[in-house]
N, C-alpha and C. Protein backbone atom coordinates (compact mmCIF):
# COMPACT_ATOMS: atom_id res chain seq x y z
N UNK A 1 51.35 31.04 40.09
CA UNK A 1 50.33 30.69 41.02
C UNK A 1 48.99 30.36 40.40
N UNK A 2 48.47 29.23 40.77
CA UNK A 2 47.06 28.90 40.02
C UNK A 2 46.00 28.83 41.01
N UNK A 3 44.90 28.87 40.66
CA UNK A 3 43.69 28.67 41.31
C UNK A 3 43.65 27.45 42.32
N UNK A 4 44.19 26.34 41.50
CA UNK A 4 44.07 24.95 42.36
C UNK A 4 45.10 24.96 43.53
N UNK A 5 46.19 25.95 43.32
CA UNK A 5 47.06 25.89 44.52
C UNK A 5 46.44 26.68 45.55
N UNK A 6 45.81 27.92 45.28
CA UNK A 6 45.02 28.64 46.24
C UNK A 6 44.00 27.70 46.88
N UNK A 7 43.31 27.13 46.17
CA UNK A 7 42.03 26.27 46.79
C UNK A 7 42.65 25.11 47.46
N UNK A 8 43.63 24.41 47.39
CA UNK A 8 44.27 23.48 47.99
C UNK A 8 44.80 24.11 49.42
N UNK A 9 45.39 25.10 49.53
CA UNK A 9 45.84 25.78 50.56
C UNK A 9 44.66 26.24 51.51
N UNK A 10 43.67 26.62 50.89
CA UNK A 10 42.30 27.01 51.73
C UNK A 10 41.80 25.75 52.32
N UNK A 11 41.74 24.56 51.49
CA UNK A 11 41.31 23.49 52.03
C UNK A 11 42.01 22.94 53.28
N UNK A 12 43.33 22.96 53.26
CA UNK A 12 44.19 22.60 54.16
C UNK A 12 44.06 23.41 55.35
N UNK A 13 43.93 24.66 55.29
CA UNK A 13 43.70 25.41 56.57
C UNK A 13 42.39 25.10 57.04
N UNK A 14 41.36 24.71 56.31
CA UNK A 14 40.18 24.21 56.94
C UNK A 14 40.14 22.72 57.61
N UNK A 15 41.02 22.13 57.20
CA UNK A 15 41.15 20.76 57.50
C UNK A 15 40.28 19.86 56.80
N UNK A 16 39.92 20.31 55.56
CA UNK A 16 39.09 19.55 54.62
C UNK A 16 40.02 18.71 53.77
N UNK A 17 39.74 17.62 53.22
CA UNK A 17 40.37 16.93 52.16
C UNK A 17 41.01 17.67 51.17
N UNK A 18 42.11 17.22 50.59
CA UNK A 18 42.82 17.77 49.56
C UNK A 18 42.08 17.70 48.21
N UNK A 19 42.46 18.51 47.32
CA UNK A 19 41.85 18.55 45.97
C UNK A 19 42.16 17.35 45.25
N UNK A 20 43.11 16.66 45.46
CA UNK A 20 43.50 15.47 44.64
C UNK A 20 42.45 14.44 45.04
N UNK A 21 41.95 14.43 46.25
CA UNK A 21 41.03 13.46 46.45
C UNK A 21 39.47 13.92 45.98
N UNK A 22 39.30 14.94 45.58
CA UNK A 22 37.95 15.40 45.20
C UNK A 22 37.79 15.67 43.73
N UNK A 23 38.71 15.15 42.94
CA UNK A 23 38.75 15.52 41.38
C UNK A 23 37.42 14.95 40.82
N UNK A 24 36.75 13.94 41.37
CA UNK A 24 35.50 13.42 40.66
C UNK A 24 34.18 14.30 41.31
N UNK A 25 34.39 15.19 42.18
CA UNK A 25 33.27 15.94 42.75
C UNK A 25 33.10 17.19 42.20
N UNK A 26 32.42 17.40 41.08
CA UNK A 26 32.33 18.66 40.28
C UNK A 26 31.65 19.79 41.09
N UNK A 27 30.74 19.36 41.92
CA UNK A 27 30.06 20.49 42.74
C UNK A 27 31.17 21.17 43.62
N UNK A 28 32.11 20.48 44.53
CA UNK A 28 32.94 20.91 45.28
C UNK A 28 34.15 21.83 44.42
N UNK A 29 34.44 21.24 43.41
CA UNK A 29 35.38 22.17 42.38
C UNK A 29 34.59 23.38 41.96
N UNK A 30 33.52 23.35 41.63
CA UNK A 30 32.58 24.56 41.19
C UNK A 30 32.57 25.69 42.21
N UNK A 31 32.21 25.13 43.53
CA UNK A 31 32.23 26.01 44.70
C UNK A 31 33.65 26.66 44.88
N UNK A 32 34.72 25.79 44.64
CA UNK A 32 36.14 26.25 44.87
C UNK A 32 36.42 27.36 43.85
N UNK A 33 36.11 27.03 42.62
CA UNK A 33 36.27 28.08 41.40
C UNK A 33 35.58 29.41 41.67
N UNK A 34 34.34 29.26 42.29
CA UNK A 34 33.64 30.49 42.54
C UNK A 34 34.21 31.25 43.73
N UNK A 35 34.61 30.57 44.67
CA UNK A 35 35.24 31.23 45.84
C UNK A 35 36.53 31.76 45.57
N UNK A 36 37.43 31.28 44.73
CA UNK A 36 38.70 31.61 44.15
C UNK A 36 38.40 32.83 43.37
N UNK A 37 37.45 32.89 42.53
CA UNK A 37 37.16 34.14 41.60
C UNK A 37 36.68 35.29 42.50
N UNK A 38 36.05 34.98 43.47
CA UNK A 38 35.42 36.14 44.31
C UNK A 38 36.51 36.68 45.06
N UNK A 39 37.52 36.13 45.71
CA UNK A 39 38.40 36.59 46.33
C UNK A 39 39.58 37.29 45.38
N UNK A 40 39.74 36.45 44.16
CA UNK A 40 40.73 36.99 43.23
C UNK A 40 40.20 38.55 42.86
N UNK A 41 38.82 38.66 42.61
CA UNK A 41 38.32 39.94 42.04
C UNK A 41 38.60 40.92 43.22
N UNK A 42 38.41 40.63 44.47
CA UNK A 42 38.56 41.55 45.54
C UNK A 42 40.06 42.15 45.52
N UNK A 43 40.92 41.10 45.50
CA UNK A 43 42.36 41.47 45.59
C UNK A 43 42.80 42.11 44.27
N UNK A 44 42.43 41.65 43.19
CA UNK A 44 42.65 42.33 41.83
C UNK A 44 42.67 43.75 41.94
N UNK A 45 41.35 44.25 42.45
CA UNK A 45 40.99 45.76 42.46
C UNK A 45 41.85 46.55 43.69
N UNK A 46 42.57 45.74 44.42
CA UNK A 46 43.53 46.57 45.40
C UNK A 46 44.89 46.91 44.80
N UNK A 47 45.20 46.26 43.62
CA UNK A 47 46.38 46.53 42.92
C UNK A 47 46.32 47.09 41.75
N UNK A 48 45.27 46.99 40.85
CA UNK A 48 45.17 47.78 39.57
C UNK A 48 43.68 48.26 39.41
N UNK A 49 43.58 48.98 38.37
CA UNK A 49 42.19 49.45 37.84
C UNK A 49 41.74 48.73 36.56
N UNK A 50 42.72 48.05 35.94
CA UNK A 50 42.38 47.39 34.70
C UNK A 50 41.13 46.28 34.93
N UNK A 51 40.44 45.86 33.90
CA UNK A 51 39.42 45.12 34.00
C UNK A 51 39.71 43.77 34.38
N UNK A 52 38.91 43.41 35.37
CA UNK A 52 38.98 42.01 36.07
C UNK A 52 38.52 40.81 35.07
N UNK A 53 39.35 39.78 34.87
CA UNK A 53 38.95 38.60 34.03
C UNK A 53 38.97 37.32 34.77
N UNK A 54 37.72 36.79 35.29
CA UNK A 54 37.71 35.63 36.23
C UNK A 54 38.47 34.44 35.49
N UNK A 55 38.78 33.43 36.44
CA UNK A 55 39.28 32.26 35.93
C UNK A 55 38.21 31.49 35.44
N UNK A 56 38.43 30.66 34.44
CA UNK A 56 37.55 29.79 33.82
C UNK A 56 37.85 28.21 34.29
N UNK A 57 39.05 28.14 34.70
CA UNK A 57 39.19 26.86 35.40
C UNK A 57 40.51 27.01 36.53
N UNK A 58 40.44 26.05 37.43
CA UNK A 58 41.36 26.20 38.45
C UNK A 58 42.82 26.04 38.21
N UNK A 59 43.07 25.55 36.92
CA UNK A 59 44.47 25.55 36.44
C UNK A 59 45.06 26.84 35.87
N UNK A 60 44.24 27.80 35.71
CA UNK A 60 44.72 29.03 35.24
C UNK A 60 45.74 29.81 36.24
N UNK A 61 46.50 30.51 35.58
CA UNK A 61 47.55 31.38 36.44
C UNK A 61 46.78 32.62 36.91
N UNK A 62 46.90 33.11 38.25
CA UNK A 62 46.48 34.27 38.92
C UNK A 62 47.35 35.38 38.56
N UNK A 63 46.78 36.50 38.17
CA UNK A 63 47.66 37.65 37.90
C UNK A 63 47.59 38.69 39.06
N UNK A 64 48.18 38.02 40.23
CA UNK A 64 48.29 38.73 41.32
C UNK A 64 49.98 38.80 41.85
N UNK A 65 50.29 39.70 42.76
CA UNK A 65 51.46 39.45 43.36
C UNK A 65 51.70 38.20 44.15
N UNK A 66 52.83 37.67 44.38
CA UNK A 66 53.16 36.35 44.98
C UNK A 66 52.43 36.57 46.34
N UNK A 67 52.72 37.64 46.99
CA UNK A 67 52.32 37.85 48.46
C UNK A 67 50.80 37.67 48.58
N UNK A 68 50.20 38.42 47.76
CA UNK A 68 48.58 38.43 47.64
C UNK A 68 48.18 37.07 47.43
N UNK A 69 48.63 36.40 46.44
CA UNK A 69 48.26 34.90 46.10
C UNK A 69 48.53 33.86 47.14
N UNK A 70 49.75 33.98 47.61
CA UNK A 70 50.15 32.98 48.77
C UNK A 70 49.79 33.37 50.11
N UNK A 71 49.95 34.53 50.55
CA UNK A 71 49.77 34.79 51.95
C UNK A 71 48.32 35.54 52.27
N UNK A 72 47.73 35.77 51.23
CA UNK A 72 46.24 36.56 51.67
C UNK A 72 45.20 35.74 51.05
N UNK A 73 45.37 35.30 49.67
CA UNK A 73 44.11 34.81 49.17
C UNK A 73 43.56 33.54 49.76
N UNK A 74 44.39 32.45 50.19
CA UNK A 74 43.99 31.39 50.86
C UNK A 74 42.97 31.56 52.01
N UNK A 75 43.19 32.60 52.76
CA UNK A 75 42.38 32.97 53.95
C UNK A 75 41.06 33.35 53.42
N UNK A 76 40.88 34.21 52.46
CA UNK A 76 39.50 34.60 51.85
C UNK A 76 38.82 33.52 51.25
N UNK A 77 39.58 32.61 50.50
CA UNK A 77 38.77 31.31 49.92
C UNK A 77 38.51 30.43 51.06
N UNK A 78 39.15 30.23 52.15
CA UNK A 78 38.73 29.35 53.29
C UNK A 78 37.56 30.06 53.92
N UNK A 79 37.47 31.49 54.14
CA UNK A 79 36.47 32.09 54.71
C UNK A 79 35.18 31.73 53.96
N UNK A 80 35.17 31.74 52.49
CA UNK A 80 33.95 31.48 51.68
C UNK A 80 33.47 30.19 51.71
N UNK A 81 34.62 29.19 51.62
CA UNK A 81 34.28 27.76 51.66
C UNK A 81 33.61 27.48 53.11
N UNK A 82 34.00 27.84 54.13
CA UNK A 82 33.48 27.60 55.42
C UNK A 82 32.12 28.19 55.55
N UNK A 83 31.79 29.18 54.96
CA UNK A 83 30.50 29.81 54.95
C UNK A 83 29.61 28.95 54.04
N UNK A 84 29.87 28.38 52.91
CA UNK A 84 29.26 27.62 52.11
C UNK A 84 28.99 26.28 52.98
N UNK A 85 29.58 25.84 53.69
CA UNK A 85 29.47 24.57 54.53
C UNK A 85 28.95 24.82 55.96
N UNK A 86 28.32 25.90 56.02
CA UNK A 86 27.66 26.38 57.34
C UNK A 86 28.68 26.12 58.44
N UNK A 87 30.00 26.36 58.37
CA UNK A 87 30.88 26.19 59.55
C UNK A 87 31.21 27.64 59.94
N UNK A 88 30.30 27.98 60.81
CA UNK A 88 30.29 29.46 61.29
C UNK A 88 31.67 29.81 61.95
N UNK A 89 32.19 28.91 62.92
CA UNK A 89 33.45 29.32 63.75
C UNK A 89 34.51 29.58 62.78
N UNK A 90 34.65 28.61 61.79
CA UNK A 90 35.87 28.71 60.83
C UNK A 90 35.60 29.98 59.85
N UNK A 91 34.24 30.09 59.48
CA UNK A 91 34.05 31.25 58.75
C UNK A 91 34.56 32.60 59.28
N UNK A 92 33.93 32.85 60.74
CA UNK A 92 34.35 33.83 61.42
C UNK A 92 35.93 34.16 61.75
N UNK A 93 36.72 33.24 61.97
CA UNK A 93 37.98 33.00 62.16
C UNK A 93 38.73 33.62 60.91
N UNK A 94 38.41 32.76 59.65
CA UNK A 94 39.06 33.28 58.50
C UNK A 94 38.65 34.64 57.89
N UNK A 95 37.44 35.14 58.24
CA UNK A 95 37.19 36.45 57.85
C UNK A 95 38.15 37.44 58.54
N UNK A 96 38.10 37.14 59.85
CA UNK A 96 39.05 38.12 60.49
C UNK A 96 40.59 38.05 60.04
N UNK A 97 41.19 36.89 59.82
CA UNK A 97 42.35 36.79 59.30
C UNK A 97 42.64 37.35 57.86
N UNK A 98 41.61 37.13 57.03
CA UNK A 98 41.55 37.62 55.56
C UNK A 98 41.60 39.08 55.69
N UNK A 99 40.75 39.71 56.44
CA UNK A 99 40.48 41.06 56.47
C UNK A 99 41.85 41.89 57.12
N UNK A 100 42.38 41.18 57.83
CA UNK A 100 43.84 41.75 58.66
C UNK A 100 44.85 41.44 57.32
N UNK A 101 44.96 40.46 56.95
CA UNK A 101 46.05 40.28 55.86
C UNK A 101 45.79 41.14 54.52
N UNK A 102 44.30 41.16 54.26
CA UNK A 102 44.18 42.12 53.00
C UNK A 102 44.42 43.69 53.23
N UNK A 103 44.27 44.08 54.57
CA UNK A 103 44.40 45.55 54.86
C UNK A 103 46.15 45.66 54.84
N UNK A 104 47.09 44.74 55.12
CA UNK A 104 48.29 44.86 55.11
C UNK A 104 48.77 45.15 53.45
N UNK A 105 48.13 44.61 52.59
CA UNK A 105 48.49 44.95 51.36
C UNK A 105 48.43 46.23 50.65
N UNK A 106 47.48 46.96 51.43
CA UNK A 106 47.26 48.46 50.90
C UNK A 106 48.25 49.46 51.55
N UNK A 107 48.98 49.03 52.54
CA UNK A 107 50.06 49.88 53.10
C UNK A 107 50.84 50.53 52.12
N UNK A 108 51.12 51.77 52.20
CA UNK A 108 52.05 52.45 51.10
C UNK A 108 53.50 52.63 51.99
N UNK A 109 54.49 52.40 51.22
CA UNK A 109 55.91 52.74 51.65
C UNK A 109 56.30 54.13 51.38
N UNK A 110 55.55 54.86 50.52
CA UNK A 110 55.93 56.28 50.05
C UNK A 110 55.10 57.17 50.93
N UNK A 111 55.82 58.27 51.19
CA UNK A 111 55.07 59.39 51.80
C UNK A 111 55.23 60.65 50.85
N UNK A 112 53.92 61.26 50.93
CA UNK A 112 54.04 62.55 50.03
C UNK A 112 54.21 63.83 51.04
N UNK A 113 54.82 64.74 50.52
CA UNK A 113 55.24 65.94 51.25
C UNK A 113 54.17 66.91 51.08
N UNK A 114 53.28 67.11 51.96
CA UNK A 114 52.12 68.08 51.96
C UNK A 114 52.29 69.21 52.81
N UNK A 115 53.66 69.58 53.20
CA UNK A 115 53.65 70.63 54.02
C UNK A 115 53.70 71.90 53.18
N UNK A 116 53.00 73.04 53.70
CA UNK A 116 53.01 74.31 53.00
C UNK A 116 54.40 74.85 52.92
N UNK A 117 54.77 75.48 51.71
CA UNK A 117 55.97 76.19 51.46
C UNK A 117 55.92 77.68 51.58
N UNK A 118 56.79 78.34 52.16
CA UNK A 118 56.76 79.76 52.21
C UNK A 118 57.29 80.24 51.09
N UNK A 119 57.00 81.55 50.84
CA UNK A 119 57.35 82.22 49.53
C UNK A 119 56.17 82.81 48.85
N UNK A 120 56.54 83.58 47.87
CA UNK A 120 55.49 84.53 47.17
C UNK A 120 55.14 83.81 45.98
């Protein structure tokens, strides 16, 4: 999964033009890279403690689980892009969706046995 895939998904969610139409607009691509890196960093630390290395271009591969990259990340990027465009309604909607989806990543399927044991 690449940064450009996530940015395309986010722009589609917002109803903005696709990346293919924006290749000549360096400012939009820079905003997109910044938004992708910000959400990438946020999700990176939910899965690992290793140091974060931001993307230098949108064509680079994200080192996240497929679920985080496909199902969660586009909503966070859409939230930041909407905020940068002063689109308050969309920003609020995508912030709520992103926070819900992000929280679902941290669920644990394993339970620890913490019951006290008898004995001497």
